[in-house]
Amino acid sequence: MKPSTNRMLNRIKCIYMFIRKNGTVTTQELVEEFGITPRTIQRDLNVLAYNDLVMSPSRGKWTTTRKKVKMSS
C-alpha cells in the first residue's frame, strides 16, 4: 500500500474515532482538531458516510451510525 493511502486510511480511522468519542461534532471542529482543510475533512467524511459509518443529522454536523465496526490497530 502506498504511504499516502496508509496515511489517508489512518486519518479517516482517527476522524471516525473522534466522532464516536464526542457524539455529534461539526465539520469545523474536525478541521480544528486535525489541522487539515475543510475540503479534506469533507472527502474523508464522504468515505465514512458512503460506508454507512457516519451520518449528518443536520448540515455541518456529524455523528456515527449504529453500524458495528471491528477496529484493528
N, C-alpha and C. Protein backbone atom coordinates (compact mmCIF):
# COMPACT_ATOMS: atom_id res chain seq x y z
N MET A 1 0.84 -1.18 0.00
CA MET A 1 0.00 0.00 0.00
C MET A 1 0.89 1.25 0.00
N LYS A 2 0.49 2.23 -0.78
CA LYS A 2 1.25 3.47 -0.84
C LYS A 2 1.22 4.18 0.52
N PRO A 3 2.31 4.86 0.88
CA PRO A 3 2.32 5.61 2.14
C PRO A 3 1.19 6.64 2.24
N SER A 4 0.85 7.26 1.11
CA SER A 4 -0.22 8.27 1.13
C SER A 4 -1.57 7.62 1.40
N THR A 5 -1.79 6.42 0.87
CA THR A 5 -3.04 5.70 1.11
C THR A 5 -3.12 5.29 2.58
N ASN A 6 -2.01 4.81 3.10
CA ASN A 6 -1.96 4.41 4.51
C ASN A 6 -2.24 5.60 5.43
N ARG A 7 -1.67 6.76 5.10
CA ARG A 7 -1.90 7.99 5.87
C ARG A 7 -3.37 8.38 5.84
N MET A 8 -3.98 8.29 4.65
CA MET A 8 -5.39 8.66 4.49
C MET A 8 -6.27 7.72 5.31
N LEU A 9 -6.03 6.42 5.23
CA LEU A 9 -6.85 5.46 5.98
C LEU A 9 -6.70 5.67 7.48
N ASN A 10 -5.49 5.95 7.92
CA ASN A 10 -5.25 6.21 9.33
C ASN A 10 -5.99 7.48 9.78
N ARG A 11 -5.96 8.52 8.94
CA ARG A 11 -6.66 9.78 9.26
C ARG A 11 -8.17 9.55 9.34
N ILE A 12 -8.72 8.78 8.39
CA ILE A 12 -10.15 8.50 8.39
C ILE A 12 -10.55 7.72 9.64
N LYS A 13 -9.72 6.77 10.03
CA LYS A 13 -9.98 6.00 11.25
C LYS A 13 -9.97 6.93 12.47
N CYS A 14 -9.00 7.83 12.53
CA CYS A 14 -8.92 8.78 13.65
C CYS A 14 -10.14 9.71 13.68
N ILE A 15 -10.59 10.14 12.53
CA ILE A 15 -11.78 11.00 12.45
C ILE A 15 -12.99 10.24 12.96
N TYR A 16 -13.14 9.00 12.53
CA TYR A 16 -14.27 8.18 12.98
C TYR A 16 -14.24 8.02 14.51
N MET A 17 -13.07 7.71 15.04
CA MET A 17 -12.94 7.51 16.49
C MET A 17 -13.24 8.81 17.26
N PHE A 18 -12.83 9.95 16.71
CA PHE A 18 -13.09 11.25 17.34
C PHE A 18 -14.60 11.51 17.38
N ILE A 19 -15.28 11.24 16.28
CA ILE A 19 -16.74 11.46 16.24
C ILE A 19 -17.43 10.51 17.22
N ARG A 20 -17.01 9.26 17.21
CA ARG A 20 -17.61 8.26 18.11
C ARG A 20 -17.44 8.65 19.58
N LYS A 21 -16.27 9.16 19.91
CA LYS A 21 -15.97 9.55 21.30
C LYS A 21 -16.76 10.79 21.72
N ASN A 22 -16.94 11.74 20.80
CA ASN A 22 -17.55 13.03 21.13
C ASN A 22 -19.04 13.14 20.80
N GLY A 23 -19.62 12.12 20.22
CA GLY A 23 -21.04 12.18 19.87
C GLY A 23 -21.24 12.92 18.56
N THR A 24 -21.85 14.07 18.61
CA THR A 24 -22.07 14.88 17.41
C THR A 24 -21.03 16.00 17.36
N VAL A 25 -20.38 16.12 16.22
CA VAL A 25 -19.36 17.17 16.04
C VAL A 25 -19.64 17.92 14.75
N THR A 26 -19.09 19.13 14.67
CA THR A 26 -19.24 19.92 13.45
C THR A 26 -18.03 19.69 12.55
N THR A 27 -18.22 19.99 11.29
CA THR A 27 -17.12 19.91 10.34
C THR A 27 -15.99 20.82 10.79
N GLN A 28 -16.32 22.00 11.29
CA GLN A 28 -15.31 22.95 11.75
C GLN A 28 -14.51 22.41 12.93
N GLU A 29 -15.17 21.71 13.85
CA GLU A 29 -14.45 21.10 14.97
C GLU A 29 -13.43 20.08 14.46
N LEU A 30 -13.80 19.33 13.44
CA LEU A 30 -12.88 18.35 12.86
C LEU A 30 -11.69 19.04 12.19
N VAL A 31 -11.97 20.13 11.48
CA VAL A 31 -10.90 20.90 10.84
C VAL A 31 -9.90 21.38 11.89
N GLU A 32 -10.41 21.91 12.98
CA GLU A 32 -9.54 22.43 14.05
C GLU A 32 -8.79 21.30 14.76
N GLU A 33 -9.47 20.20 15.02
CA GLU A 33 -8.85 19.08 15.74
C GLU A 33 -7.71 18.43 14.93
N PHE A 34 -7.94 18.26 13.63
CA PHE A 34 -6.97 17.53 12.81
C PHE A 34 -6.04 18.43 12.00
N GLY A 35 -6.32 19.73 12.00
CA GLY A 35 -5.43 20.67 11.32
C GLY A 35 -5.31 20.46 9.82
N ILE A 36 -6.42 20.05 9.20
CA ILE A 36 -6.43 19.87 7.75
C ILE A 36 -7.56 20.70 7.16
N THR A 37 -7.56 20.83 5.86
CA THR A 37 -8.51 21.72 5.21
C THR A 37 -9.94 21.18 5.29
N PRO A 38 -10.91 22.09 5.23
CA PRO A 38 -12.32 21.65 5.21
C PRO A 38 -12.60 20.69 4.05
N ARG A 39 -11.96 20.91 2.91
CA ARG A 39 -12.19 20.03 1.75
C ARG A 39 -11.70 18.61 2.03
N THR A 40 -10.55 18.48 2.68
CA THR A 40 -10.02 17.15 3.01
C THR A 40 -10.93 16.46 4.03
N ILE A 41 -11.37 17.21 5.03
CA ILE A 41 -12.29 16.65 6.02
C ILE A 41 -13.56 16.17 5.32
N GLN A 42 -14.08 16.97 4.40
CA GLN A 42 -15.31 16.60 3.71
C GLN A 42 -15.12 15.33 2.88
N ARG A 43 -13.99 15.20 2.22
CA ARG A 43 -13.70 13.98 1.45
C ARG A 43 -13.66 12.76 2.38
N ASP A 44 -13.00 12.91 3.53
CA ASP A 44 -12.92 11.81 4.49
C ASP A 44 -14.30 11.46 5.05
N LEU A 45 -15.10 12.47 5.35
CA LEU A 45 -16.46 12.23 5.84
C LEU A 45 -17.31 11.54 4.78
N ASN A 46 -17.09 11.88 3.51
CA ASN A 46 -17.82 11.23 2.42
C ASN A 46 -17.50 9.74 2.36
N VAL A 47 -16.24 9.38 2.60
CA VAL A 47 -15.84 7.98 2.63
C VAL A 47 -16.56 7.27 3.79
N LEU A 48 -16.55 7.89 4.95
CA LEU A 48 -17.23 7.31 6.12
C LEU A 48 -18.74 7.20 5.89
N ALA A 49 -19.35 8.22 5.30
CA ALA A 49 -20.79 8.20 5.04
C ALA A 49 -21.13 7.14 3.98
N TYR A 50 -20.31 7.02 2.96
CA TYR A 50 -20.54 6.02 1.91
C TYR A 50 -20.55 4.62 2.51
N ASN A 51 -19.72 4.39 3.51
CA ASN A 51 -19.63 3.09 4.18
C ASN A 51 -20.59 2.97 5.36
N ASP A 52 -21.52 3.93 5.46
CA ASP A 52 -22.57 3.93 6.48
C ASP A 52 -22.02 3.93 7.91
N LEU A 53 -20.89 4.63 8.11
CA LEU A 53 -20.29 4.72 9.44
C LEU A 53 -20.62 6.03 10.14
N VAL A 54 -20.89 7.08 9.36
CA VAL A 54 -21.32 8.35 9.93
C VAL A 54 -22.50 8.88 9.13
N MET A 55 -23.24 9.78 9.76
CA MET A 55 -24.35 10.45 9.07
C MET A 55 -24.40 11.89 9.53
N SER A 56 -25.07 12.69 8.73
CA SER A 56 -25.19 14.10 9.04
C SER A 56 -26.66 14.40 9.38
N PRO A 57 -26.98 14.49 10.69
CA PRO A 57 -28.36 14.77 11.07
C PRO A 57 -28.81 16.17 10.69
N SER A 58 -27.87 17.10 10.57
CA SER A 58 -28.17 18.44 10.07
C SER A 58 -26.90 18.98 9.42
N ARG A 59 -27.08 19.93 8.57
CA ARG A 59 -25.96 20.46 7.78
C ARG A 59 -24.77 20.85 8.65
N GLY A 60 -23.60 20.27 8.32
CA GLY A 60 -22.38 20.62 9.01
C GLY A 60 -22.14 19.89 10.33
N LYS A 61 -23.06 18.99 10.70
CA LYS A 61 -22.91 18.21 11.93
C LYS A 61 -22.83 16.74 11.56
N TRP A 62 -22.03 15.99 12.33
CA TRP A 62 -21.80 14.58 12.04
C TRP A 62 -21.88 13.74 13.29
N THR A 63 -22.41 12.54 13.14
CA THR A 63 -22.48 11.58 14.23
C THR A 63 -22.29 10.18 13.64
N THR A 64 -21.93 9.23 14.48
CA THR A 64 -21.73 7.87 13.99
C THR A 64 -23.08 7.16 13.87
N THR A 65 -23.11 6.14 13.04
CA THR A 65 -24.32 5.31 12.89
C THR A 65 -24.23 4.15 13.87
N ARG A 66 -25.22 3.31 13.86
CA ARG A 66 -25.24 2.14 14.74
C ARG A 66 -24.54 0.94 14.11
N LYS A 67 -23.98 1.12 12.94
CA LYS A 67 -23.32 0.02 12.26
C LYS A 67 -22.15 -0.49 13.11
N LYS A 68 -22.08 -1.80 13.27
CA LYS A 68 -20.99 -2.40 14.05
C LYS A 68 -19.68 -2.30 13.28
N VAL A 69 -18.62 -1.95 13.99
CA VAL A 69 -17.32 -1.78 13.36
C VAL A 69 -16.29 -2.60 14.16
N LYS A 70 -15.53 -3.39 13.44
CA LYS A 70 -14.44 -4.13 14.07
C LYS A 70 -13.16 -3.32 13.83
N MET A 71 -12.55 -2.85 14.91
CA MET A 71 -11.37 -2.00 14.78
C MET A 71 -10.11 -2.84 14.89
N SER A 72 -9.18 -2.54 14.00
CA SER A 72 -7.84 -3.16 14.10
C SER A 72 -6.83 -2.05 14.29
N SER A 73 -5.68 -2.39 14.81
CA SER A 73 -4.69 -1.35 15.09
C SER A 73 -3.85 -1.01 13.89
